[in-house]
Amino acid sequence: MLFERIESKGLAHYSYIIGDGNQAVVIDPRRDCEIYLEKAARENCQISHIMETHRNEDYVIGSVELADHTGAEIWHADGQLDYHYGKPANDGQVWKIGRFRMQAISTPGHTPGSMSYLLYDPDNVPWIVFTGDTLFAGDIGRVDLPGLDIMKEMAGLLYSSLFDKLMKMDDGVLVYPGHGPGSVCGTAIAGRMWTTIGIERRYNPKLQYKDKSEFVAKIAKELERPPYFRQMEKLNIEGAPILGNLPLLRPLSPKSFAEKAKESIILDTRLEVGFGGAHIPNAISIWTKGVPSFAGWFLPYDKPILLVNETDNAEETVRNLIRLGYDNLAGYLAGEMHSWHTAGLDSEKTKMVTVQELCHQLDSREDIWILDVRGEEEVKNAQIPNTHNIHIAQIPEKMNQIPKEKSVYIFCGSGLRSMVVASLLQRQGWENVTVVLGGLAGWNSITCSLIRKN
């Protein structure tokens, strides 16, 4: 038997491949799909079915790509939408996978037509339920994405899906969701790698509300919506263009790079210290591991993207951009910043201080304006008084709240997110910004003492 979970880090996306008797099915595949082909071939399995749990919002689903490689049938959820590919899965529909069978269960709420898939073992015992974004470990799917006008209706549907269907299953049924902790599709997904119906019934905070009215009142909340979600929703209805293979980026000489940069967005994926020391003017800083989390917030889809990497191998960045639908990748700077400098081309830098230096300056002067770009929960757990908190995702829409005439010190707890924000501000004309390197462990200001949550 073949059974594996495939994790796409950064997006915290889980997909699954299940095979038996030379036949395999893939649930919610990612777009760079060669991993499923390799695993199926290793077990002498042919991928015959591709199942989607819902119309995804946070990544380009790889169903069309994988079907192009395998000839597999695609079965999608949200059948009321005008899909350009595949067939709609129906509530109660059953598929055979070798000795196993899989049954579709309508579980609307996160989207109007979300589906879960219940896998029965060879003895016809309910074994695993693939819940997509309906039920996570320690959390449930958000209900605001289909529209704020129907948010309460969606919360009511989710309540019924959870309590009238999933929670009716035996405690021992394994729960395999579509995401792990860090996904924007949930607010507090737990870190446990494996869970069951019984564990969620007992320990999931969102399943402890006393009745439907309380559940709806607590769950029907508008959450942050990354701007790239709209592009994902579009691509996941139309079907993303076929890649064939992962694109290989063309190395560009400094001169060619500079010429293309006139009409492109420059994404610099080096760490914050390297970017701060020297970078190409107007580049956006998003370190390599941060690309899946932040590219969709700050990179447009209507311009080519040029890369500056720590090495000439940009595969990880390319994979993450492709998963977000950024197909117009115009090349990367060959030789990194060293070649740029030796070509005599202009560069910029971003001022940096350690957290200890900032604390010293706070204790000796009063004209420092601190921008804290951490999230709400981070700020609650460790608050710095007299700072200005704007979450990194809200920076584009709240730039007018950040003064240009003052010294702005940007703080995030490490410096990585701070450098992202600094690069965005510098592109818009802020000249006096400083990134604070280091985290809360070094905070020791007398005038601005850290308040930790007990």
Protein backbone atom coordinates (compact mmCIF):
# COMPACT_ATOMS: atom_id res chain seq x y z
CA MET A 1 0.00 0.00 0.00
CA LEU A 2 1.06 3.57 -0.75
CA PHE A 3 0.04 6.28 1.68
CA GLU A 4 1.88 9.58 2.18
CA ARG A 5 1.18 13.14 3.17
CA ILE A 6 3.03 15.75 1.11
CA GLU A 7 3.68 19.00 2.95
CA SER A 8 4.34 22.24 1.09
CA LYS A 9 6.16 24.28 3.71
CA GLY A 10 5.46 27.97 4.02
CA LEU A 11 1.92 27.55 2.76
CA ALA A 12 1.41 24.81 5.37
CA HIS A 13 -0.46 22.91 2.66
CA TYR A 14 -1.07 19.18 3.00
CA SER A 15 -1.83 16.93 0.04
CA TYR A 16 -2.14 13.16 0.08
CA ILE A 17 -1.45 10.19 -2.17
CA ILE A 18 -3.14 6.85 -1.46
CA GLY A 19 -2.47 3.77 -3.55
CA ASP A 20 -3.30 0.08 -3.55
CA GLY A 21 -3.38 -2.62 -6.19
CA ASN A 22 -1.55 -0.60 -8.84
CA GLN A 23 -4.05 2.25 -8.52
CA ALA A 24 -3.62 5.60 -6.72
CA VAL A 25 -5.58 8.72 -5.88
CA VAL A 26 -4.21 12.18 -5.01
CA ILE A 27 -6.09 14.65 -2.83
CA ASP A 28 -5.58 18.42 -3.28
CA PRO A 29 -2.29 18.22 -5.25
CA ARG A 30 0.13 21.11 -5.53
CA ARG A 31 1.11 22.46 -8.92
CA ASP A 32 4.72 21.25 -8.99
CA CYS A 33 3.46 17.70 -9.11
CA GLU A 34 6.48 15.54 -9.94
CA ILE A 35 6.58 14.28 -6.35
CA TYR A 36 3.29 12.38 -6.85
CA LEU A 37 4.52 10.88 -10.11
CA GLU A 38 7.72 9.68 -8.45
CA LYS A 39 5.96 8.13 -5.46
CA ALA A 40 3.34 6.40 -7.60
CA ALA A 41 5.99 5.02 -9.99
CA ARG A 42 8.05 3.70 -7.09
CA GLU A 43 5.06 1.62 -5.95
CA ASN A 44 4.00 0.63 -9.48
CA CYS A 45 0.78 2.60 -9.13
CA GLN A 46 -1.11 4.55 -11.77
CA ILE A 47 -2.77 7.76 -10.53
CA SER A 48 -6.36 7.32 -11.69
CA HIS A 49 -8.26 9.94 -9.68
CA ILE A 50 -7.55 13.45 -8.40
CA MET A 51 -9.87 14.72 -5.66
CA GLU A 52 -10.38 18.34 -4.62
CA THR A 53 -11.90 19.14 -1.23
CA HIS A 54 -12.89 22.72 -2.18
CA ARG A 55 -12.06 25.62 -4.46
CA ASN A 56 -8.75 26.62 -2.86
CA GLU A 57 -7.84 30.25 -2.18
CA ASP A 58 -4.27 30.17 -0.93
CA TYR A 59 -2.40 28.22 -3.63
CA VAL A 60 -2.80 27.11 -7.24
CA ILE A 61 -4.14 23.58 -7.12
CA GLY A 62 -2.23 21.15 -9.33
CA SER A 63 -5.14 19.03 -10.56
CA VAL A 64 -4.94 20.11 -14.21
CA GLU A 65 -1.15 19.78 -14.21
CA LEU A 66 -1.22 16.30 -12.67
CA ALA A 67 -4.01 15.12 -14.97
CA ASP A 68 -1.95 16.25 -17.96
CA HIS A 69 0.85 13.93 -16.82
CA THR A 70 -1.32 10.95 -15.87
CA GLY A 71 -4.66 11.09 -17.66
CA ALA A 72 -6.37 10.84 -14.26
CA GLU A 73 -9.98 11.97 -13.77
CA ILE A 74 -10.41 15.17 -11.76
CA TRP A 75 -13.26 15.38 -9.25
CA HIS A 76 -13.85 18.82 -7.80
CA ALA A 77 -16.00 20.19 -5.00
CA ASP A 78 -18.07 23.40 -5.14
CA GLY A 79 -19.92 21.99 -8.11
CA GLN A 80 -22.08 25.13 -8.35
CA LEU A 81 -19.08 27.02 -9.74
CA ASP A 82 -18.29 27.26 -13.45
CA TYR A 83 -15.26 24.98 -13.55
CA HIS A 84 -13.40 24.71 -16.86
CA TYR A 85 -12.08 21.24 -16.01
CA GLY A 86 -13.00 18.01 -14.27
CA LYS A 87 -16.31 16.68 -12.97
CA PRO A 88 -18.26 17.59 -9.83
CA ALA A 89 -18.09 15.11 -6.98
CA ASN A 90 -21.51 14.26 -5.51
CA ASP A 91 -22.44 13.62 -1.91
CA GLY A 92 -22.23 9.86 -1.28
CA GLN A 93 -20.27 9.09 -4.45
CA VAL A 94 -17.84 6.17 -4.04
CA TRP A 95 -14.53 5.35 -5.74
CA LYS A 96 -12.57 2.11 -5.52
CA ILE A 97 -8.81 2.24 -4.91
CA GLY A 98 -7.55 -1.31 -4.97
CA ARG A 99 -8.95 -2.95 -1.83
CA PHE A 100 -10.11 0.37 -0.43
CA ARG A 101 -13.06 2.60 -1.17
CA MET A 102 -13.49 6.33 -0.76
CA GLN A 103 -16.78 8.12 -0.21
CA ALA A 104 -17.57 11.81 -0.77
CA ILE A 105 -19.28 13.62 2.10
CA SER A 106 -20.74 17.09 1.54
CA THR A 107 -19.33 19.36 4.26
CA PRO A 108 -20.11 22.97 3.23
CA GLY A 109 -19.14 25.95 5.34
CA HIS A 110 -15.63 27.00 4.42
CA THR A 111 -16.94 27.13 0.85
CA PRO A 112 -20.54 26.48 -0.25
CA GLY A 113 -19.69 23.08 -1.73
CA SER A 114 -16.76 21.77 0.33
CA MET A 115 -16.29 18.00 0.27
CA SER A 116 -14.65 15.64 2.72
CA TYR A 117 -13.59 12.15 1.65
CA LEU A 118 -13.94 9.14 3.95
CA LEU A 119 -11.58 6.24 3.27
CA TYR A 120 -12.70 2.72 4.25
CA ASP A 121 -10.12 -0.02 4.83
CA PRO A 122 -10.31 -3.51 3.20
CA ASP A 123 -12.62 -4.67 6.01
CA ASN A 124 -15.00 -1.78 5.24
CA VAL A 125 -14.11 0.01 8.47
CA PRO A 126 -14.15 3.87 8.30
CA TRP A 127 -10.47 4.66 8.67
CA ILE A 128 -9.48 8.18 7.55
CA VAL A 129 -11.46 11.30 6.71
CA PHE A 130 -9.78 13.91 4.50
CA THR A 131 -11.41 17.13 5.67
CA GLY A 132 -9.79 19.79 3.50
CA ASP A 133 -10.43 23.15 5.15
CA THR A 134 -13.52 22.06 7.07
CA LEU A 135 -11.74 20.65 10.12
CA PHE A 136 -8.12 21.14 11.18
CA ALA A 137 -6.18 19.98 14.21
CA GLY A 138 -7.37 22.38 16.89
CA ASP A 139 -9.27 24.63 14.50
CA ILE A 140 -11.89 24.85 11.76
CA GLY A 141 -12.01 26.59 8.40
CA ARG A 142 -12.78 30.30 8.11
CA VAL A 143 -16.21 31.24 6.77
CA ASP A 144 -15.67 34.80 5.53
CA LEU A 145 -14.14 34.06 2.12
CA PRO A 146 -17.36 33.36 0.16
CA GLY A 147 -18.59 36.85 1.12
CA LEU A 148 -19.34 38.85 4.25
CA ASP A 149 -23.02 39.04 3.28
CA ILE A 150 -23.40 35.26 3.63
CA MET A 151 -20.81 34.74 6.38
CA LYS A 152 -23.38 33.80 9.04
CA GLU A 153 -25.09 31.44 6.63
CA MET A 154 -21.75 29.77 5.91
CA ALA A 155 -21.05 29.48 9.65
CA GLY A 156 -24.40 27.74 10.07
CA LEU A 157 -23.56 25.31 7.27
CA LEU A 158 -20.15 24.63 8.84
CA TYR A 159 -21.81 23.89 12.18
CA SER A 160 -24.02 21.27 10.52
CA SER A 161 -21.09 19.78 8.61
CA LEU A 162 -19.07 19.41 11.77
CA PHE A 163 -21.67 18.27 14.29
CA ASP A 164 -24.18 16.44 12.10
CA LYS A 165 -21.61 14.66 9.92
CA LEU A 166 -17.96 14.60 11.00
CA MET A 167 -18.59 14.43 14.75
CA LYS A 168 -20.99 11.52 14.15
CA MET A 169 -18.01 9.40 13.16
CA ASP A 170 -16.22 7.08 15.60
CA ASP A 171 -13.52 8.59 17.81
CA GLY A 172 -10.85 6.45 16.18
CA VAL A 173 -11.33 7.79 12.65
CA LEU A 174 -8.16 9.64 11.64
CA VAL A 175 -8.50 13.26 10.51
CA TYR A 176 -6.27 14.41 7.65
CA PRO A 177 -6.85 18.11 6.96
CA GLY A 178 -5.72 20.33 4.10
CA HIS A 179 -3.42 22.52 6.18
CA GLY A 180 -1.18 22.60 9.22
CA PRO A 181 -0.16 25.47 11.53
CA GLY A 182 0.74 28.69 9.73
CA SER A 183 -2.00 28.55 7.10
CA VAL A 184 -4.10 31.66 6.51
CA CYS A 185 -7.13 29.38 6.10
CA GLY A 186 -7.36 28.90 9.88
CA THR A 187 -6.65 31.17 12.83
CA ALA A 188 -5.15 28.79 15.39
CA ILE A 189 -4.29 25.44 13.83
CA ALA A 190 -2.60 23.17 16.38
CA GLY A 191 0.89 21.77 15.97
CA ARG A 192 -0.04 18.11 16.34
CA MET A 193 0.90 16.25 13.18
CA TRP A 194 -1.77 13.56 13.53
CA THR A 195 -5.23 13.76 15.01
CA THR A 196 -8.52 11.89 15.22
CA ILE A 197 -12.23 12.64 15.45
CA GLY A 198 -12.06 11.81 19.16
CA ILE A 199 -9.14 14.14 19.86
CA GLU A 200 -10.84 17.00 18.02
CA ARG A 201 -14.16 16.32 19.71
CA ARG A 202 -12.51 16.68 23.10
CA TYR A 203 -9.75 19.25 22.59
CA ASN A 204 -10.63 21.45 19.61
CA PRO A 205 -11.72 24.82 21.14
CA LYS A 206 -14.00 25.58 18.17
CA LEU A 207 -16.01 22.42 18.86
CA GLN A 208 -16.81 23.32 22.47
CA TYR A 209 -19.50 25.96 21.90
CA LYS A 210 -22.77 24.99 23.56
CA ASP A 211 -25.09 25.45 20.57
CA LYS A 212 -25.36 26.62 16.97
CA SER A 213 -26.17 30.23 17.81
CA GLU A 214 -23.04 30.61 19.96
CA PHE A 215 -20.96 28.85 17.30
CA VAL A 216 -22.18 31.20 14.57
CA ALA A 217 -21.67 34.29 16.73
CA LYS A 218 -18.07 33.29 17.51
CA ILE A 219 -17.06 31.92 14.11
CA ALA A 220 -18.63 34.43 11.70
CA LYS A 221 -15.73 36.91 11.77
CA GLU A 222 -13.97 38.76 8.99
CA LEU A 223 -10.28 37.83 8.88
CA GLU A 224 -7.36 39.24 6.90
CA ARG A 225 -7.66 38.35 3.23
CA PRO A 226 -4.39 38.34 1.26
CA PRO A 227 -4.87 40.15 -2.06
CA TYR A 228 -3.54 37.18 -4.04
CA PHE A 229 -6.54 35.06 -3.00
CA ARG A 230 -8.55 36.57 -5.86
CA GLN A 231 -5.99 35.35 -8.40
CA MET A 232 -5.96 31.88 -6.83
CA GLU A 233 -9.75 31.66 -6.95
CA LYS A 234 -9.70 32.60 -10.64
CA LEU A 235 -6.97 30.11 -11.57
CA ASN A 236 -8.61 27.34 -9.59
CA ILE A 237 -11.81 27.70 -11.59
CA GLU A 238 -10.23 28.10 -15.01
CA GLY A 239 -7.37 25.68 -14.43
CA ALA A 240 -3.83 27.03 -14.28
CA PRO A 241 -1.68 26.90 -17.43
CA ILE A 242 0.20 23.64 -17.89
CA LEU A 243 3.84 23.89 -16.82
CA GLY A 244 5.09 20.55 -18.08
CA ASN A 245 8.17 20.87 -15.88
CA LEU A 246 9.37 23.32 -13.27
CA PRO A 247 10.64 26.40 -15.14
CA LEU A 248 14.40 26.86 -15.34
CA LEU A 249 15.26 30.51 -14.88
CA ARG A 250 17.69 32.21 -17.22
CA PRO A 251 20.82 33.73 -15.61
CA LEU A 252 21.18 37.38 -16.57
CA SER A 253 24.29 39.52 -16.70
CA PRO A 254 24.14 42.70 -14.60
CA LYS A 255 23.62 44.78 -17.74
CA SER A 256 20.74 42.60 -18.99
CA PHE A 257 19.25 42.44 -15.50
CA ALA A 258 19.35 46.25 -15.18
CA GLU A 259 17.64 46.64 -18.55
CA LYS A 260 14.85 44.21 -17.69
CA ALA A 261 14.46 45.79 -14.25
CA LYS A 262 12.96 48.91 -15.84
CA GLU A 263 9.70 47.05 -16.43
CA SER A 264 9.92 44.32 -13.77
CA ILE A 265 9.66 43.73 -10.04
CA ILE A 266 12.93 42.75 -8.34
CA LEU A 267 12.54 40.15 -5.61
CA ASP A 268 15.62 39.80 -3.40
CA THR A 269 15.45 36.59 -1.37
CA ARG A 270 18.65 37.00 0.63
CA LEU A 271 18.54 37.26 4.42
CA GLU A 272 17.97 40.65 6.02
CA VAL A 273 21.62 41.47 6.77
CA GLY A 274 22.69 40.83 3.18
CA PHE A 275 19.84 42.91 1.77
CA GLY A 276 20.44 45.73 4.25
CA GLY A 277 24.15 45.84 3.44
CA ALA A 278 23.54 46.39 -0.28
CA HIS A 279 20.67 45.81 -2.69
CA ILE A 280 19.52 46.89 -6.13
CA PRO A 281 17.39 50.06 -5.98
CA ASN A 282 13.63 49.42 -5.67
CA ALA A 283 14.09 45.73 -4.85
CA ILE A 284 11.58 44.07 -2.53
CA SER A 285 13.11 42.01 0.27
CA ILE A 286 11.45 38.68 1.06
CA TRP A 287 13.84 36.05 2.36
CA THR A 288 13.63 32.60 0.74
CA LYS A 289 11.63 30.87 3.51
CA GLY A 290 9.28 33.86 3.69
CA VAL A 291 8.30 33.83 0.00
CA PRO A 292 5.27 31.52 0.38
CA SER A 293 3.96 33.59 3.29
CA PHE A 294 4.52 37.10 1.94
CA ALA A 295 4.94 37.11 -1.84
CA GLY A 296 1.17 37.06 -2.36
CA TRP A 297 0.76 40.14 -0.19
CA PHE A 298 3.31 42.34 -1.93
CA LEU A 299 4.13 41.11 -5.45
CA PRO A 300 1.86 42.09 -8.37
CA TYR A 301 0.77 39.66 -11.07
CA ASP A 302 0.96 42.14 -13.95
CA LYS A 303 4.74 42.53 -14.11
CA PRO A 304 7.66 40.15 -14.73
CA ILE A 305 9.65 39.12 -11.66
CA LEU A 306 13.45 39.18 -11.49
CA LEU A 307 15.26 37.33 -8.72
CA VAL A 308 18.32 38.09 -6.65
CA ASN A 309 19.25 34.96 -4.71
CA GLU A 310 21.82 33.83 -2.20
CA THR A 311 23.08 31.34 -4.79
CA ASP A 312 22.47 30.83 -8.50
CA ASN A 313 20.12 27.96 -7.63
CA ALA A 314 16.68 29.52 -7.27
CA GLU A 315 14.64 26.28 -7.30
CA GLU A 316 13.00 26.72 -3.89
CA THR A 317 11.91 30.26 -4.70
CA VAL A 318 10.67 29.24 -8.14
CA ARG A 319 8.59 26.42 -6.65
CA ASN A 320 6.98 28.73 -4.13
CA LEU A 321 6.22 31.42 -6.70
CA ILE A 322 4.74 28.88 -9.12
CA ARG A 323 2.48 27.57 -6.34
CA LEU A 324 1.16 31.12 -5.98
CA GLY A 325 0.57 31.57 -9.69
CA TYR A 326 3.58 33.79 -10.45
CA ASP A 327 4.47 32.34 -13.84
CA ASN A 328 6.11 35.41 -15.40
CA LEU A 329 9.62 34.81 -14.02
CA ALA A 330 12.06 36.76 -16.16
CA GLY A 331 15.40 35.47 -14.81
CA TYR A 332 17.91 35.92 -12.01
CA LEU A 333 21.06 37.92 -11.44
CA ALA A 334 24.03 35.72 -12.31
CA GLY A 335 26.86 36.11 -9.83
CA GLU A 336 24.61 37.66 -7.19
CA MET A 337 25.37 41.16 -5.86
CA HIS A 338 29.11 40.63 -6.39
CA SER A 339 28.61 40.77 -10.15
CA TRP A 340 26.37 43.82 -9.80
CA HIS A 341 29.04 45.70 -7.89
CA THR A 342 31.90 44.68 -10.16
CA ALA A 343 29.83 45.95 -13.10
CA GLY A 344 29.88 49.39 -11.46
CA LEU A 345 26.10 49.62 -11.03
CA ASP A 346 24.38 51.61 -8.28
CA SER A 347 23.08 49.97 -5.13
CA GLU A 348 21.31 51.06 -1.98
CA LYS A 349 21.48 50.02 1.64
CA THR A 350 19.15 49.96 4.61
CA LYS A 351 20.26 51.15 8.03
CA MET A 352 20.31 48.47 10.71
CA VAL A 353 20.77 48.46 14.49
CA THR A 354 20.74 45.67 17.04
CA VAL A 355 17.91 45.55 19.54
CA GLN A 356 20.40 46.48 22.26
CA GLU A 357 21.38 49.61 20.33
CA LEU A 358 17.74 50.58 19.97
CA CYS A 359 17.14 50.19 23.69
CA HIS A 360 20.18 52.39 24.40
CA GLN A 361 18.90 55.07 22.03
CA LEU A 362 15.43 54.95 23.58
CA ASP A 363 16.97 55.62 26.96
CA SER A 364 18.98 58.60 25.67
CA ARG A 365 16.56 60.34 23.26
CA GLU A 366 12.82 60.72 22.62
CA ASP A 367 12.42 61.35 18.88
CA ILE A 368 12.39 57.69 17.78
CA TRP A 369 9.23 56.39 16.11
CA ILE A 370 9.01 52.60 16.47
CA LEU A 371 6.94 50.64 13.99
CA ASP A 372 6.07 47.20 15.34
CA VAL A 373 4.96 44.96 12.45
CA ARG A 374 4.25 41.83 14.49
CA GLY A 375 0.85 40.14 14.54
CA GLU A 376 -1.87 40.67 17.11
CA GLU A 377 -1.11 37.56 19.16
CA GLU A 378 2.63 38.32 19.21
CA VAL A 379 1.94 41.83 20.51
CA LYS A 380 -0.43 40.52 23.17
CA ASN A 381 2.19 38.11 24.47
CA ALA A 382 4.99 40.68 24.58
CA GLN A 383 4.00 44.33 24.31
CA ILE A 384 6.39 47.25 23.86
CA PRO A 385 4.77 50.45 25.17
CA ASN A 386 4.71 53.67 23.14
CA THR A 387 5.20 51.85 19.83
CA HIS A 388 2.99 51.91 16.74
CA ASN A 389 1.68 48.50 15.75
CA ILE A 390 0.78 47.92 12.10
CA HIS A 391 0.79 44.27 11.08
CA ILE A 392 3.08 43.62 8.11
CA ALA A 393 0.12 42.61 5.93
CA GLN A 394 -1.54 45.99 6.54
CA ILE A 395 1.47 48.10 5.57
CA PRO A 396 0.40 48.86 1.94
CA GLU A 397 -2.97 50.23 3.02
CA LYS A 398 -1.71 52.09 6.11
CA MET A 399 1.50 53.68 4.82
CA ASN A 400 -0.01 57.12 5.36
CA GLN A 401 0.13 56.47 9.12
CA ILE A 402 3.93 56.19 9.03
CA PRO A 403 5.74 59.56 9.18
CA LYS A 404 8.37 60.41 6.59
CA GLU A 405 9.82 63.27 8.61
CA LYS A 406 10.82 61.11 11.62
CA SER A 407 13.36 58.38 12.23
CA VAL A 408 11.34 55.20 11.82
CA TYR A 409 12.72 52.08 13.53
CA ILE A 410 11.04 48.89 12.34
CA PHE A 411 10.72 46.01 14.78
CA CYS A 412 9.37 42.48 14.29
CA GLY A 413 11.20 40.25 16.71
CA SER A 414 13.93 39.02 14.36
CA GLY A 415 14.53 41.57 11.59
CA LEU A 416 13.29 39.47 8.66
CA ARG A 417 9.79 40.92 8.42
CA SER A 418 11.17 44.33 9.35
CA MET A 419 13.41 44.28 6.29
CA VAL A 420 10.44 43.38 4.09
CA VAL A 421 8.62 46.44 5.37
CA ALA A 422 11.69 48.65 5.07
CA SER A 423 12.07 47.68 1.41
CA LEU A 424 8.41 48.53 0.76
CA LEU A 425 8.77 51.92 2.44
CA GLN A 426 12.01 52.75 0.64
CA ARG A 427 10.30 52.03 -2.70
CA GLN A 428 7.71 54.66 -1.76
CA GLY A 429 10.15 57.38 -0.77
CA TRP A 430 10.88 56.83 2.93
CA GLU A 431 14.51 57.73 3.46
CA ASN A 432 15.03 57.52 7.22
CA VAL A 433 14.09 53.93 8.08
CA THR A 434 16.13 51.59 10.27
CA VAL A 435 15.64 47.86 10.74
CA VAL A 436 16.03 46.48 14.25
CA LEU A 437 17.97 43.20 14.21
CA GLY A 438 17.40 40.58 16.86
CA GLY A 439 14.39 39.66 18.94
CA LEU A 440 12.70 40.19 22.25
CA ALA A 441 15.36 38.26 24.16
CA GLY A 442 17.69 41.24 23.94
CA TRP A 443 15.14 43.90 24.88
CA ASN A 444 16.36 45.89 27.89
CA SER A 445 15.05 49.45 27.72
CA ILE A 446 14.42 51.38 30.93
CA THR A 447 12.06 53.94 29.38
CA CYS A 448 10.28 51.42 27.18
CA SER A 449 10.22 48.24 29.21
CA LEU A 450 8.79 45.06 27.72
CA ILE A 451 5.48 43.87 29.11
CA ARG A 452 5.21 40.10 28.89
CA LYS A 453 1.95 38.19 29.23
CA ASN A 454 2.05 35.80 32.16
